[in-house]
Amino acid sequence: MTHLVGYARVSKRDQNPDAQEAELRAAGCSRVFVDHGESSRVTDRPQWLACLDYLRPGDTLKVRRLDRLAGSERILIETLHDLDSRGVNIVSLTEPAIDTTTPMGRALFGIVSVFAQLRVDTIRDNTQRGLDHARAQGRVGGRPSVMTPERIAAAERMRDEHQSFEAIARTLGVSATSVRRALTRES
């Protein structure tokens, strides 16, 4: 037996999810999971996890809007694909194109998913291209290393004296991992 299951979420404690829950019940949901005061950018919301555990293949998940499921495009794409792979239909009450219980809804969902994935891939590609360009100009992103040239020279001298990475790290006031990484790069 398939179920109509609802999911509602408000991100602030002083917001009231009752209107969402009422809409979902009016849309035929026999069970509604409600997260209260939970961010959409967090995927391990308590009621969302309970909802995922409750859903079975053939069930239909209804939400007022897709932004109730996820606060970023990447999380939304992953969530929708996960639900689809589990055989769970998705219906948005306010976005009629999102209804995977119909052939047209499944087709539109596929098209939207392809364009959303294209956007994610394009952003990733542009970011990588920018990083490659910066590296080619000698700029390296990230946090500066704690292993200055002076510390590396001191660590090399101590290593020549057969001191352990841990002993060198204590002397220099850095982690053994930083010492090991710096000396491995130098050799």
C-alpha atoms as a PDB file:
ATOM      1  CA  MET A   1       0.000   0.000   0.000  1.00  0.00           C
ATOM      2  CA  THR A   2       1.356   3.385  -0.975  1.00  0.00           C
ATOM      3  CA  HIS A   3       1.091   6.438   1.239  1.00  0.00           C
ATOM      4  CA  LEU A   4       0.802  10.161   0.720  1.00  0.00           C
ATOM      5  CA  VAL A   5       3.385  11.617   3.095  1.00  0.00           C
ATOM      6  CA  GLY A   6       3.937  15.289   3.803  1.00  0.00           C
ATOM      7  CA  TYR A   7       6.996  17.181   4.932  1.00  0.00           C
ATOM      8  CA  ALA A   8       6.908  20.714   6.332  1.00  0.00           C
ATOM      9  CA  ARG A   9       9.710  22.852   7.709  1.00  0.00           C
ATOM     10  CA  VAL A  10      10.223  26.285   9.201  1.00  0.00           C
ATOM     11  CA  SER A  11      13.707  27.564   9.870  1.00  0.00           C
ATOM     12  CA  LYS A  12      13.036  29.725  12.917  1.00  0.00           C
ATOM     13  CA  ARG A  13      11.597  28.750  16.273  1.00  0.00           C
ATOM     14  CA  ASP A  14       9.190  31.720  16.268  1.00  0.00           C
ATOM     15  CA  GLN A  15       7.690  30.683  12.912  1.00  0.00           C
ATOM     16  CA  ASN A  16       4.581  28.534  12.838  1.00  0.00           C
ATOM     17  CA  PRO A  17       4.445  25.483  10.532  1.00  0.00           C
ATOM     18  CA  ASP A  18       0.701  24.914  11.075  1.00  0.00           C
ATOM     19  CA  ALA A  19      -0.334  26.430   7.703  1.00  0.00           C
ATOM     20  CA  GLN A  20       2.044  24.122   5.799  1.00  0.00           C
ATOM     21  CA  GLU A  21       0.845  21.119   7.751  1.00  0.00           C
ATOM     22  CA  ALA A  22      -2.816  22.022   7.115  1.00  0.00           C
ATOM     23  CA  GLU A  23      -2.168  22.373   3.348  1.00  0.00           C
ATOM     24  CA  LEU A  24      -0.456  18.979   3.252  1.00  0.00           C
ATOM     25  CA  ARG A  25      -3.279  17.295   5.158  1.00  0.00           C
ATOM     26  CA  ALA A  26      -5.828  18.945   2.831  1.00  0.00           C
ATOM     27  CA  ALA A  27      -3.802  17.511  -0.082  1.00  0.00           C
ATOM     28  CA  GLY A  28      -4.446  14.008   1.282  1.00  0.00           C
ATOM     29  CA  CYS A  29      -1.318  13.335   3.354  1.00  0.00           C
ATOM     30  CA  SER A  30      -2.055  10.785   6.052  1.00  0.00           C
ATOM     31  CA  ARG A  31       1.274  11.429   7.771  1.00  0.00           C
ATOM     32  CA  VAL A  32       3.065  14.783   7.970  1.00  0.00           C
ATOM     33  CA  PHE A  33       6.576  15.233   9.334  1.00  0.00           C
ATOM     34  CA  VAL A  34       7.373  18.737  10.603  1.00  0.00           C
ATOM     35  CA  ASP A  35      10.789  20.202  11.390  1.00  0.00           C
ATOM     36  CA  HIS A  36      10.516  23.320  13.508  1.00  0.00           C
ATOM     37  CA  GLY A  37      13.479  25.683  13.734  1.00  0.00           C
ATOM     38  CA  GLU A  38      15.703  23.686  11.362  1.00  0.00           C
ATOM     39  CA  SER A  39      17.872  25.139   8.597  1.00  0.00           C
ATOM     40  CA  SER A  40      17.296  23.970   5.036  1.00  0.00           C
ATOM     41  CA  ARG A  41      21.055  23.774   4.524  1.00  0.00           C
ATOM     42  CA  VAL A  42      21.325  20.946   7.051  1.00  0.00           C
ATOM     43  CA  THR A  43      20.458  17.485   5.758  1.00  0.00           C
ATOM     44  CA  ASP A  44      20.191  15.676   9.082  1.00  0.00           C
ATOM     45  CA  ARG A  45      17.073  17.420  10.377  1.00  0.00           C
ATOM     46  CA  PRO A  46      15.318  15.084  12.866  1.00  0.00           C
ATOM     47  CA  GLN A  47      11.884  14.933  11.229  1.00  0.00           C
ATOM     48  CA  TRP A  48      13.372  14.841   7.737  1.00  0.00           C
ATOM     49  CA  LEU A  49      15.390  11.763   8.715  1.00  0.00           C
ATOM     50  CA  ALA A  50      12.252  10.205  10.229  1.00  0.00           C
ATOM     51  CA  CYS A  51      10.367  10.993   7.010  1.00  0.00           C
ATOM     52  CA  LEU A  52      13.065   9.357   4.878  1.00  0.00           C
ATOM     53  CA  ASP A  53      12.958   6.295   7.126  1.00  0.00           C
ATOM     54  CA  TYR A  54       9.149   6.125   6.814  1.00  0.00           C
ATOM     55  CA  LEU A  55       8.984   6.454   3.008  1.00  0.00           C
ATOM     56  CA  ARG A  56       8.714   3.263   0.934  1.00  0.00           C
ATOM     57  CA  PRO A  57       8.876   2.667  -2.830  1.00  0.00           C
ATOM     58  CA  GLY A  58       5.651   3.844  -4.463  1.00  0.00           C
ATOM     59  CA  ASP A  59       4.931   6.421  -1.726  1.00  0.00           C
ATOM     60  CA  THR A  60       4.418  10.052  -2.687  1.00  0.00           C
ATOM     61  CA  LEU A  61       6.146  12.829  -0.766  1.00  0.00           C
ATOM     62  CA  LYS A  62       4.303  16.133  -0.856  1.00  0.00           C
ATOM     63  CA  VAL A  63       5.815  19.477   0.105  1.00  0.00           C
ATOM     64  CA  ARG A  64       4.419  22.977  -0.115  1.00  0.00           C
ATOM     65  CA  ARG A  65       7.508  24.116  -2.052  1.00  0.00           C
ATOM     66  CA  LEU A  66      10.791  22.431  -2.924  1.00  0.00           C
ATOM     67  CA  ASP A  67      12.708  24.901  -0.745  1.00  0.00           C
ATOM     68  CA  ARG A  68      11.228  23.080   2.259  1.00  0.00           C
ATOM     69  CA  LEU A  69      13.468  20.125   1.313  1.00  0.00           C
ATOM     70  CA  ALA A  70      16.757  21.914   0.716  1.00  0.00           C
ATOM     71  CA  GLY A  71      18.341  25.326   0.900  1.00  0.00           C
ATOM     72  CA  SER A  72      20.853  24.872  -1.882  1.00  0.00           C
ATOM     73  CA  GLU A  73      20.609  23.635  -5.422  1.00  0.00           C
ATOM     74  CA  ARG A  74      23.209  20.935  -4.798  1.00  0.00           C
ATOM     75  CA  ILE A  75      21.384  19.527  -1.761  1.00  0.00           C
ATOM     76  CA  LEU A  76      18.058  19.699  -3.607  1.00  0.00           C
ATOM     77  CA  ILE A  77      19.409  17.807  -6.624  1.00  0.00           C
ATOM     78  CA  GLU A  78      20.921  15.138  -4.382  1.00  0.00           C
ATOM     79  CA  THR A  79      17.699  14.848  -2.373  1.00  0.00           C
ATOM     80  CA  LEU A  80      15.456  14.595  -5.436  1.00  0.00           C
ATOM     81  CA  HIS A  81      17.712  12.002  -7.057  1.00  0.00           C
ATOM     82  CA  ASP A  82      17.837  10.009  -3.817  1.00  0.00           C
ATOM     83  CA  LEU A  83      14.043  10.000  -3.549  1.00  0.00           C
ATOM     84  CA  ASP A  84      13.693   9.088  -7.227  1.00  0.00           C
ATOM     85  CA  SER A  85      16.178   6.197  -6.902  1.00  0.00           C
ATOM     86  CA  ARG A  86      14.200   4.903  -3.922  1.00  0.00           C
ATOM     87  CA  GLY A  87      11.008   4.888  -5.994  1.00  0.00           C
ATOM     88  CA  VAL A  88       9.405   7.760  -4.087  1.00  0.00           C
ATOM     89  CA  ASN A  89       7.278  10.228  -6.076  1.00  0.00           C
ATOM     90  CA  ILE A  90       7.597  13.950  -5.375  1.00  0.00           C
ATOM     91  CA  VAL A  91       4.786  16.502  -5.561  1.00  0.00           C
ATOM     92  CA  SER A  92       5.087  20.220  -4.856  1.00  0.00           C
ATOM     93  CA  LEU A  93       1.780  21.876  -3.978  1.00  0.00           C
ATOM     94  CA  THR A  94       2.802  25.305  -5.323  1.00  0.00           C
ATOM     95  CA  GLU A  95       5.073  24.255  -8.213  1.00  0.00           C
ATOM     96  CA  PRO A  96       2.739  22.222 -10.458  1.00  0.00           C
ATOM     97  CA  ALA A  97       5.529  21.191 -12.843  1.00  0.00           C
ATOM     98  CA  ILE A  98       7.017  19.128 -10.000  1.00  0.00           C
ATOM     99  CA  ASP A  99       4.760  16.092  -9.838  1.00  0.00           C
ATOM    100  CA  THR A 100       6.541  12.845 -10.625  1.00  0.00           C
ATOM    101  CA  THR A 101       3.303  10.877 -10.383  1.00  0.00           C
ATOM    102  CA  THR A 102       2.464  11.983 -13.951  1.00  0.00           C
ATOM    103  CA  PRO A 103       4.343  11.337 -17.206  1.00  0.00           C
ATOM    104  CA  MET A 104       4.674  15.077 -17.898  1.00  0.00           C
ATOM    105  CA  GLY A 105       5.867  15.720 -14.337  1.00  0.00           C
ATOM    106  CA  ARG A 106       8.520  12.989 -14.631  1.00  0.00           C
ATOM    107  CA  ALA A 107       9.677  14.430 -17.960  1.00  0.00           C
ATOM    108  CA  LEU A 108       9.858  17.979 -16.572  1.00  0.00           C
ATOM    109  CA  PHE A 109      11.628  16.696 -13.463  1.00  0.00           C
ATOM    110  CA  GLY A 110      14.210  15.025 -15.710  1.00  0.00           C
ATOM    111  CA  ILE A 111      14.726  18.192 -17.737  1.00  0.00           C
ATOM    112  CA  VAL A 112      14.990  20.372 -14.618  1.00  0.00           C
ATOM    113  CA  SER A 113      17.441  17.886 -13.085  1.00  0.00           C
ATOM    114  CA  VAL A 114      19.633  17.912 -16.187  1.00  0.00           C
ATOM    115  CA  PHE A 115      19.783  21.722 -16.251  1.00  0.00           C
ATOM    116  CA  ALA A 116      20.378  21.918 -12.502  1.00  0.00           C
ATOM    117  CA  GLN A 117      23.222  19.394 -12.789  1.00  0.00           C
ATOM    118  CA  LEU A 118      24.612  21.332 -15.753  1.00  0.00           C
ATOM    119  CA  ARG A 119      24.652  24.466 -13.613  1.00  0.00           C
ATOM    120  CA  VAL A 120      26.439  22.664 -10.766  1.00  0.00           C
ATOM    121  CA  ASP A 121      28.986  21.190 -13.185  1.00  0.00           C
ATOM    122  CA  THR A 122      29.529  24.583 -14.835  1.00  0.00           C
ATOM    123  CA  ILE A 123      30.145  26.247 -11.466  1.00  0.00           C
ATOM    124  CA  ARG A 124      32.592  23.471 -10.524  1.00  0.00           C
ATOM    125  CA  ASP A 125      34.367  23.789 -13.895  1.00  0.00           C
ATOM    126  CA  ASN A 126      34.595  27.591 -13.629  1.00  0.00           C
ATOM    127  CA  THR A 127      35.961  27.323 -10.085  1.00  0.00           C
ATOM    128  CA  GLN A 128      38.601  24.812 -11.173  1.00  0.00           C
ATOM    129  CA  ARG A 129      39.564  26.982 -14.145  1.00  0.00           C
ATOM    130  CA  GLY A 130      39.951  29.993 -11.822  1.00  0.00           C
ATOM    131  CA  LEU A 131      42.109  27.990  -9.392  1.00  0.00           C
ATOM    132  CA  ASP A 132      44.284  26.690 -12.240  1.00  0.00           C
ATOM    133  CA  HIS A 133      44.722  30.244 -13.557  1.00  0.00           C
ATOM    134  CA  ALA A 134      45.683  31.544 -10.096  1.00  0.00           C
ATOM    135  CA  ARG A 135      48.214  28.716  -9.632  1.00  0.00           C
ATOM    136  CA  ALA A 136      49.717  29.457 -13.067  1.00  0.00           C
ATOM    137  CA  GLN A 137      50.321  33.023 -11.841  1.00  0.00           C
ATOM    138  CA  GLY A 138      51.991  31.723  -8.674  1.00  0.00           C
ATOM    139  CA  ARG A 139      49.079  32.315  -6.324  1.00  0.00           C
ATOM    140  CA  VAL A 140      48.086  29.446  -4.090  1.00  0.00           C
ATOM    141  CA  GLY A 141      44.850  29.542  -2.174  1.00  0.00           C
ATOM    142  CA  GLY A 142      44.241  28.220   1.273  1.00  0.00           C
ATOM    143  CA  ARG A 143      45.734  28.814   4.632  1.00  0.00           C
ATOM    144  CA  PRO A 144      49.475  29.635   4.784  1.00  0.00           C
ATOM    145  CA  SER A 145      51.664  26.823   6.066  1.00  0.00           C
ATOM    146  CA  VAL A 146      52.925  27.024   9.643  1.00  0.00           C
ATOM    147  CA  MET A 147      56.183  25.599   8.346  1.00  0.00           C
ATOM    148  CA  THR A 148      58.160  28.708   7.412  1.00  0.00           C
ATOM    149  CA  PRO A 149      61.492  28.322   5.585  1.00  0.00           C
ATOM    150  CA  GLU A 150      63.259  28.833   8.931  1.00  0.00           C
ATOM    151  CA  ARG A 151      61.215  26.080  10.605  1.00  0.00           C
ATOM    152  CA  ILE A 152      61.829  23.726   7.664  1.00  0.00           C
ATOM    153  CA  ALA A 153      65.589  24.324   7.907  1.00  0.00           C
ATOM    154  CA  ALA A 154      65.511  23.694  11.672  1.00  0.00           C
ATOM    155  CA  ALA A 155      63.414  20.559  11.182  1.00  0.00           C
ATOM    156  CA  GLU A 156      65.864  19.251   8.575  1.00  0.00           C
ATOM    157  CA  ARG A 157      68.798  19.792  10.988  1.00  0.00           C
ATOM    158  CA  MET A 158      66.911  17.996  13.803  1.00  0.00           C
ATOM    159  CA  ARG A 159      65.982  15.167  11.452  1.00  0.00           C
ATOM    160  CA  ASP A 160      69.650  14.793  10.491  1.00  0.00           C
ATOM    161  CA  GLU A 161      70.254  14.338  14.240  1.00  0.00           C
ATOM    162  CA  HIS A 162      67.744  11.433  14.116  1.00  0.00           C
ATOM    163  CA  GLN A 163      65.042  13.215  16.124  1.00  0.00           C
ATOM    164  CA  SER A 164      61.492  11.946  15.675  1.00  0.00           C
ATOM    165  CA  PHE A 165      58.802  13.963  13.893  1.00  0.00           C
ATOM    166  CA  GLU A 166      56.999  14.261  17.223  1.00  0.00           C
ATOM    167  CA  ALA A 167      60.089  15.649  19.025  1.00  0.00           C
ATOM    168  CA  ILE A 168      60.707  18.137  16.207  1.00  0.00           C
ATOM    169  CA  ALA A 169      57.055  19.205  16.307  1.00  0.00           C
ATOM    170  CA  ARG A 170      57.199  19.817  20.083  1.00  0.00           C
ATOM    171  CA  THR A 171      60.357  21.897  19.704  1.00  0.00           C
ATOM    172  CA  LEU A 172      58.932  23.989  16.853  1.00  0.00           C
ATOM    173  CA  GLY A 173      55.431  24.283  18.356  1.00  0.00           C
ATOM    174  CA  VAL A 174      53.652  22.739  15.372  1.00  0.00           C
ATOM    175  CA  SER A 175      51.973  19.403  14.665  1.00  0.00           C
ATOM    176  CA  ALA A 176      53.924  16.290  13.709  1.00  0.00           C
ATOM    177  CA  THR A 177      51.812  16.114  10.545  1.00  0.00           C
ATOM    178  CA  SER A 178      53.002  19.599   9.514  1.00  0.00           C
ATOM    179  CA  VAL A 179      56.634  18.571  10.056  1.00  0.00           C
ATOM    180  CA  ARG A 180      56.219  15.301   8.145  1.00  0.00           C
ATOM    181  CA  ARG A 181      54.426  17.010   5.253  1.00  0.00           C
ATOM    182  CA  ALA A 182      57.047  19.783   4.974  1.00  0.00           C
ATOM    183  CA  LEU A 183      59.997  17.412   5.082  1.00  0.00           C
ATOM    184  CA  THR A 184      58.384  15.045   2.578  1.00  0.00           C
ATOM    185  CA  ARG A 185      57.872  17.955   0.161  1.00  0.00           C
ATOM    186  CA  GLU A 186      61.475  19.086   0.556  1.00  0.00           C
ATOM    187  CA  SER A 187      62.983  15.684  -0.222  1.00  0.00           C
END
